[in-house]
Amino acid sequence: MAPGAAGVDVGPLEDFAVGEGRAVVVEGRQVAVFRHRDGRLSALDAVCPHSGGPLADGQMDDRVVVCPLHLNVFDLATGRSCSGQRDVAAHVAVVADGRVRVVLGGGRPDLAGAAPR
């Protein structure tokens, strides 16, 4: 996505700590944006489908995030559950002109229209 491209501006890159997630609201939907140590960004629905855990507060590595409530695991690229729970929607998050932009459903086209969980 080029600077000025589609997506919702959710704040300056410096507001997103390296190695952590941050919850934002995109078009009324709670989204967790994760900033990887290598500079990549990932974005998933922010609520664990098991019992509403805040995924942005979970521990992350290069590949997954672990829900802080019951240790459910989700793939950061696809939103697929690695622990038997329902999947969460994955979204595209990029940096344009020093700002983080999120496109809902961009990471999983099959979930683009999915209702927030």
N, C-alpha and C. Protein backbone atom coordinates (compact mmCIF):
# COMPACT_ATOMS: atom_id res chain seq x y z
N MET A 1 0.85 -1.16 0.00
CA MET A 1 0.00 0.00 0.00
C MET A 1 0.90 1.23 0.00
N ALA A 2 0.71 2.10 -0.92
CA ALA A 2 1.53 3.29 -1.06
C ALA A 2 1.05 4.39 -0.14
N PRO A 3 1.93 5.36 0.16
CA PRO A 3 1.48 6.50 0.96
C PRO A 3 0.24 7.14 0.34
N GLY A 4 -0.70 7.50 1.19
CA GLY A 4 -1.93 8.10 0.72
C GLY A 4 -2.96 7.09 0.24
N ALA A 5 -2.62 5.81 0.34
CA ALA A 5 -3.52 4.76 -0.13
C ALA A 5 -4.65 4.56 0.86
N ALA A 6 -5.54 3.62 0.50
CA ALA A 6 -6.71 3.33 1.33
C ALA A 6 -6.32 2.85 2.71
N GLY A 7 -7.30 2.82 3.56
CA GLY A 7 -7.09 2.36 4.92
C GLY A 7 -7.45 3.47 5.89
N VAL A 8 -7.62 3.08 7.12
CA VAL A 8 -7.98 4.03 8.17
C VAL A 8 -6.73 4.37 8.98
N ASP A 9 -6.46 5.64 9.12
CA ASP A 9 -5.32 6.12 9.91
C ASP A 9 -5.63 5.88 11.39
N VAL A 10 -4.74 5.13 12.08
CA VAL A 10 -4.95 4.83 13.49
C VAL A 10 -3.87 5.43 14.39
N GLY A 11 -3.00 6.27 13.82
CA GLY A 11 -2.03 6.97 14.64
C GLY A 11 -0.62 6.89 14.12
N PRO A 12 0.27 7.67 14.75
CA PRO A 12 1.67 7.67 14.34
C PRO A 12 2.37 6.37 14.74
N LEU A 13 3.32 5.95 13.91
CA LEU A 13 4.04 4.71 14.17
C LEU A 13 4.66 4.70 15.56
N GLU A 14 5.14 5.82 16.04
CA GLU A 14 5.81 5.83 17.35
C GLU A 14 4.85 5.50 18.51
N ASP A 15 3.55 5.54 18.27
CA ASP A 15 2.58 5.14 19.30
C ASP A 15 2.46 3.62 19.44
N PHE A 16 3.09 2.87 18.54
CA PHE A 16 3.02 1.41 18.53
C PHE A 16 4.38 0.85 18.94
N ALA A 17 4.47 0.36 20.17
CA ALA A 17 5.74 -0.13 20.71
C ALA A 17 6.20 -1.40 20.01
N VAL A 18 7.48 -1.49 19.75
CA VAL A 18 8.07 -2.67 19.12
C VAL A 18 7.88 -3.87 20.04
N GLY A 19 7.41 -4.99 19.48
CA GLY A 19 7.22 -6.22 20.24
C GLY A 19 5.95 -6.27 21.05
N GLU A 20 5.03 -5.34 20.79
CA GLU A 20 3.78 -5.28 21.55
C GLU A 20 2.60 -5.03 20.63
N GLY A 21 1.40 -5.21 21.20
CA GLY A 21 0.17 -4.92 20.49
C GLY A 21 -0.49 -3.69 21.08
N ARG A 22 -1.35 -3.08 20.29
CA ARG A 22 -2.11 -1.92 20.75
C ARG A 22 -3.50 -2.00 20.14
N ALA A 23 -4.52 -1.82 20.96
CA ALA A 23 -5.90 -1.86 20.48
C ALA A 23 -6.29 -0.49 19.91
N VAL A 24 -6.95 -0.52 18.76
CA VAL A 24 -7.46 0.69 18.11
C VAL A 24 -8.88 0.39 17.62
N VAL A 25 -9.59 1.43 17.25
CA VAL A 25 -10.92 1.26 16.69
C VAL A 25 -10.86 1.66 15.22
N VAL A 26 -11.33 0.75 14.36
CA VAL A 26 -11.36 0.99 12.92
C VAL A 26 -12.80 0.76 12.45
N GLU A 27 -13.42 1.83 12.01
CA GLU A 27 -14.81 1.74 11.53
C GLU A 27 -15.71 1.04 12.54
N GLY A 28 -15.55 1.37 13.82
CA GLY A 28 -16.37 0.80 14.88
C GLY A 28 -15.96 -0.58 15.34
N ARG A 29 -14.88 -1.10 14.82
CA ARG A 29 -14.44 -2.46 15.13
C ARG A 29 -13.14 -2.39 15.93
N GLN A 30 -13.05 -3.17 17.01
CA GLN A 30 -11.83 -3.25 17.81
C GLN A 30 -10.78 -4.09 17.06
N VAL A 31 -9.61 -3.51 16.83
CA VAL A 31 -8.53 -4.18 16.11
C VAL A 31 -7.26 -4.07 16.94
N ALA A 32 -6.52 -5.16 17.04
CA ALA A 32 -5.22 -5.17 17.72
C ALA A 32 -4.13 -5.08 16.65
N VAL A 33 -3.29 -4.04 16.74
CA VAL A 33 -2.18 -3.86 15.81
C VAL A 33 -0.90 -4.23 16.55
N PHE A 34 -0.10 -5.11 15.94
CA PHE A 34 1.14 -5.61 16.54
C PHE A 34 2.33 -5.11 15.72
N ARG A 35 3.33 -4.59 16.40
CA ARG A 35 4.55 -4.12 15.73
C ARG A 35 5.66 -5.12 16.01
N HIS A 36 6.09 -5.80 14.96
CA HIS A 36 7.14 -6.81 15.08
C HIS A 36 8.50 -6.17 15.22
N ARG A 37 9.44 -6.90 15.77
CA ARG A 37 10.80 -6.40 15.96
C ARG A 37 11.50 -6.11 14.63
N ASP A 38 11.08 -6.80 13.55
CA ASP A 38 11.70 -6.57 12.24
C ASP A 38 11.03 -5.43 11.46
N GLY A 39 10.07 -4.74 12.08
CA GLY A 39 9.43 -3.60 11.44
C GLY A 39 8.07 -3.89 10.82
N ARG A 40 7.73 -5.18 10.65
CA ARG A 40 6.42 -5.53 10.11
C ARG A 40 5.32 -5.14 11.08
N LEU A 41 4.12 -5.01 10.54
CA LEU A 41 2.92 -4.82 11.36
C LEU A 41 1.95 -5.96 11.05
N SER A 42 1.21 -6.38 12.05
CA SER A 42 0.12 -7.35 11.89
C SER A 42 -1.10 -6.76 12.57
N ALA A 43 -2.27 -7.16 12.11
CA ALA A 43 -3.51 -6.68 12.73
C ALA A 43 -4.54 -7.79 12.74
N LEU A 44 -5.17 -7.99 13.89
CA LEU A 44 -6.23 -8.99 14.08
C LEU A 44 -7.38 -8.34 14.82
N ASP A 45 -8.56 -8.97 14.74
CA ASP A 45 -9.62 -8.53 15.64
C ASP A 45 -9.06 -8.58 17.05
N ALA A 46 -9.44 -7.62 17.88
CA ALA A 46 -8.80 -7.44 19.17
C ALA A 46 -9.36 -8.30 20.29
N VAL A 47 -10.43 -9.04 20.03
CA VAL A 47 -11.10 -9.80 21.09
C VAL A 47 -11.01 -11.30 20.82
N CYS A 48 -10.49 -12.04 21.78
CA CYS A 48 -10.43 -13.49 21.67
C CYS A 48 -11.85 -14.05 21.68
N PRO A 49 -12.17 -14.94 20.73
CA PRO A 49 -13.53 -15.48 20.68
C PRO A 49 -13.87 -16.42 21.82
N HIS A 50 -12.89 -16.88 22.59
CA HIS A 50 -13.15 -17.82 23.68
C HIS A 50 -13.94 -17.16 24.79
N SER A 51 -13.40 -16.07 25.34
CA SER A 51 -14.15 -15.39 26.40
C SER A 51 -13.81 -13.91 26.47
N GLY A 52 -13.52 -13.33 25.31
CA GLY A 52 -13.37 -11.88 25.24
C GLY A 52 -12.03 -11.33 25.68
N GLY A 53 -11.00 -12.15 25.73
CA GLY A 53 -9.69 -11.67 26.16
C GLY A 53 -9.13 -10.62 25.21
N PRO A 54 -8.37 -9.66 25.76
CA PRO A 54 -7.80 -8.58 24.96
C PRO A 54 -6.51 -9.02 24.24
N LEU A 55 -6.61 -9.38 22.97
CA LEU A 55 -5.45 -9.91 22.26
C LEU A 55 -4.29 -8.92 22.20
N ALA A 56 -4.57 -7.62 22.18
CA ALA A 56 -3.49 -6.63 22.13
C ALA A 56 -2.59 -6.72 23.36
N ASP A 57 -3.11 -7.26 24.45
CA ASP A 57 -2.32 -7.40 25.68
C ASP A 57 -1.57 -8.72 25.75
N GLY A 58 -1.74 -9.57 24.74
CA GLY A 58 -1.11 -10.88 24.75
C GLY A 58 0.37 -10.83 24.40
N GLN A 59 1.06 -11.91 24.73
CA GLN A 59 2.47 -12.05 24.36
C GLN A 59 2.54 -12.44 22.89
N MET A 60 3.47 -11.84 22.16
CA MET A 60 3.61 -12.13 20.74
C MET A 60 5.04 -12.51 20.42
N ASP A 61 5.18 -13.26 19.31
CA ASP A 61 6.51 -13.48 18.74
C ASP A 61 6.40 -13.18 17.26
N ASP A 62 7.29 -13.66 16.45
CA ASP A 62 7.25 -13.36 15.02
C ASP A 62 6.03 -13.91 14.31
N ARG A 63 5.40 -14.93 14.90
CA ARG A 63 4.35 -15.67 14.20
C ARG A 63 2.99 -15.66 14.87
N VAL A 64 2.93 -15.63 16.20
CA VAL A 64 1.66 -15.80 16.91
C VAL A 64 1.51 -14.80 18.05
N VAL A 65 0.25 -14.68 18.51
CA VAL A 65 -0.05 -13.95 19.74
C VAL A 65 -0.81 -14.91 20.64
N VAL A 66 -0.54 -14.81 21.95
CA VAL A 66 -1.18 -15.67 22.95
C VAL A 66 -2.13 -14.82 23.78
N CYS A 67 -3.39 -15.21 23.81
CA CYS A 67 -4.39 -14.48 24.60
C CYS A 67 -3.98 -14.51 26.07
N PRO A 68 -4.02 -13.36 26.75
CA PRO A 68 -3.58 -13.32 28.15
C PRO A 68 -4.53 -14.00 29.14
N LEU A 69 -5.77 -14.28 28.74
CA LEU A 69 -6.71 -14.88 29.69
C LEU A 69 -6.58 -16.40 29.79
N HIS A 70 -6.63 -17.09 28.67
CA HIS A 70 -6.64 -18.55 28.71
C HIS A 70 -5.62 -19.18 27.79
N LEU A 71 -4.63 -18.41 27.35
CA LEU A 71 -3.49 -18.89 26.57
C LEU A 71 -3.86 -19.46 25.21
N ASN A 72 -4.97 -18.99 24.62
CA ASN A 72 -5.30 -19.38 23.25
C ASN A 72 -4.33 -18.67 22.31
N VAL A 73 -3.99 -19.35 21.21
CA VAL A 73 -2.94 -18.87 20.32
C VAL A 73 -3.52 -18.60 18.93
N PHE A 74 -3.14 -17.45 18.34
CA PHE A 74 -3.62 -17.07 17.02
C PHE A 74 -2.45 -16.67 16.13
N ASP A 75 -2.51 -17.13 14.88
CA ASP A 75 -1.50 -16.79 13.88
C ASP A 75 -1.65 -15.31 13.51
N LEU A 76 -0.57 -14.56 13.61
CA LEU A 76 -0.64 -13.12 13.35
C LEU A 76 -0.83 -12.78 11.87
N ALA A 77 -0.49 -13.68 10.98
CA ALA A 77 -0.65 -13.40 9.55
C ALA A 77 -2.05 -13.71 9.05
N THR A 78 -2.68 -14.74 9.61
CA THR A 78 -3.96 -15.22 9.07
C THR A 78 -5.13 -15.10 10.03
N GLY A 79 -4.87 -14.97 11.33
CA GLY A 79 -5.94 -14.96 12.32
C GLY A 79 -6.42 -16.35 12.69
N ARG A 80 -5.84 -17.37 12.08
CA ARG A 80 -6.26 -18.74 12.37
C ARG A 80 -5.85 -19.14 13.78
N SER A 81 -6.74 -19.86 14.43
CA SER A 81 -6.46 -20.36 15.77
C SER A 81 -5.47 -21.52 15.68
N CYS A 82 -4.50 -21.52 16.58
CA CYS A 82 -3.54 -22.63 16.69
C CYS A 82 -3.88 -23.49 17.89
N SER A 83 -5.02 -23.18 18.55
CA SER A 83 -5.35 -23.87 19.79
C SER A 83 -6.81 -24.33 19.84
N GLY A 84 -7.45 -24.43 18.68
CA GLY A 84 -8.79 -25.01 18.64
C GLY A 84 -9.94 -24.04 18.85
N GLN A 85 -9.68 -22.76 18.95
CA GLN A 85 -10.76 -21.79 19.09
C GLN A 85 -11.21 -21.35 17.70
N ARG A 86 -12.26 -20.54 17.64
CA ARG A 86 -12.65 -19.93 16.36
C ARG A 86 -11.53 -19.00 15.92
N ASP A 87 -11.37 -18.87 14.62
CA ASP A 87 -10.40 -17.93 14.06
C ASP A 87 -10.88 -16.50 14.33
N VAL A 88 -9.95 -15.56 14.27
CA VAL A 88 -10.29 -14.14 14.29
C VAL A 88 -9.93 -13.56 12.93
N ALA A 89 -10.55 -12.47 12.57
CA ALA A 89 -10.25 -11.84 11.29
C ALA A 89 -8.87 -11.18 11.34
N ALA A 90 -8.13 -11.34 10.24
CA ALA A 90 -6.84 -10.67 10.08
C ALA A 90 -7.05 -9.48 9.15
N HIS A 91 -6.30 -8.43 9.38
CA HIS A 91 -6.42 -7.20 8.62
C HIS A 91 -5.03 -6.78 8.14
N VAL A 92 -4.98 -5.85 7.21
CA VAL A 92 -3.71 -5.32 6.73
C VAL A 92 -3.39 -4.05 7.51
N ALA A 93 -2.16 -3.97 8.01
CA ALA A 93 -1.68 -2.76 8.68
C ALA A 93 -0.35 -2.39 8.04
N VAL A 94 -0.22 -1.14 7.65
CA VAL A 94 0.98 -0.65 6.99
C VAL A 94 1.33 0.74 7.53
N VAL A 95 2.53 1.17 7.21
CA VAL A 95 2.97 2.52 7.55
C VAL A 95 3.00 3.35 6.27
N ALA A 96 2.36 4.50 6.30
CA ALA A 96 2.37 5.45 5.19
C ALA A 96 2.63 6.84 5.76
N ASP A 97 3.72 7.44 5.33
CA ASP A 97 4.08 8.78 5.81
C ASP A 97 4.19 8.83 7.34
N GLY A 98 4.72 7.77 7.94
CA GLY A 98 4.91 7.73 9.39
C GLY A 98 3.66 7.44 10.19
N ARG A 99 2.57 7.13 9.51
CA ARG A 99 1.29 6.86 10.16
C ARG A 99 0.89 5.41 9.89
N VAL A 100 0.26 4.78 10.87
CA VAL A 100 -0.22 3.40 10.71
C VAL A 100 -1.62 3.47 10.13
N ARG A 101 -1.84 2.67 9.07
CA ARG A 101 -3.14 2.58 8.41
C ARG A 101 -3.60 1.12 8.42
N VAL A 102 -4.88 0.91 8.65
CA VAL A 102 -5.45 -0.44 8.71
C VAL A 102 -6.57 -0.56 7.69
N VAL A 103 -6.54 -1.69 6.95
CA VAL A 103 -7.62 -2.04 6.02
C VAL A 103 -8.31 -3.26 6.60
N LEU A 104 -9.58 -3.13 6.93
CA LEU A 104 -10.32 -4.25 7.51
C LEU A 104 -10.44 -5.39 6.52
N GLY A 105 -10.21 -6.61 7.02
CA GLY A 105 -10.38 -7.81 6.23
C GLY A 105 -9.30 -8.04 5.20
N GLY A 106 -8.34 -7.15 5.10
CA GLY A 106 -7.31 -7.27 4.09
C GLY A 106 -6.41 -8.48 4.24
N GLY A 107 -6.32 -9.05 5.45
CA GLY A 107 -5.46 -10.20 5.66
C GLY A 107 -6.15 -11.52 5.40
N ARG A 108 -7.47 -11.55 5.48
CA ARG A 108 -8.26 -12.77 5.24
C ARG A 108 -9.49 -12.38 4.44
N PRO A 109 -9.40 -12.42 3.11
CA PRO A 109 -10.56 -12.01 2.30
C PRO A 109 -11.84 -12.74 2.66
N ASP A 110 -11.74 -13.98 3.12
CA ASP A 110 -12.95 -14.74 3.47
C ASP A 110 -13.62 -14.20 4.73
N LEU A 111 -12.91 -13.36 5.51
CA LEU A 111 -13.49 -12.81 6.73
C LEU A 111 -13.71 -11.30 6.62
N ALA A 112 -13.52 -10.72 5.45
CA ALA A 112 -13.61 -9.27 5.29
C ALA A 112 -14.95 -8.72 5.77
N GLY A 113 -16.03 -9.44 5.54
CA GLY A 113 -17.33 -8.96 5.95
C GLY A 113 -17.81 -9.57 7.25
N ALA A 114 -16.95 -10.31 7.92
CA ALA A 114 -17.34 -10.98 9.16
C ALA A 114 -17.71 -9.97 10.22
N ALA A 115 -18.71 -10.28 11.00
CA ALA A 115 -19.11 -9.41 12.09
C ALA A 115 -18.04 -9.41 13.17
N PRO A 116 -17.83 -8.27 13.85
CA PRO A 116 -16.89 -8.26 14.96
C PRO A 116 -17.27 -9.29 15.99
N ARG A 117 -16.26 -9.86 16.62
CA ARG A 117 -16.53 -10.89 17.63
C ARG A 117 -16.33 -10.34 19.00
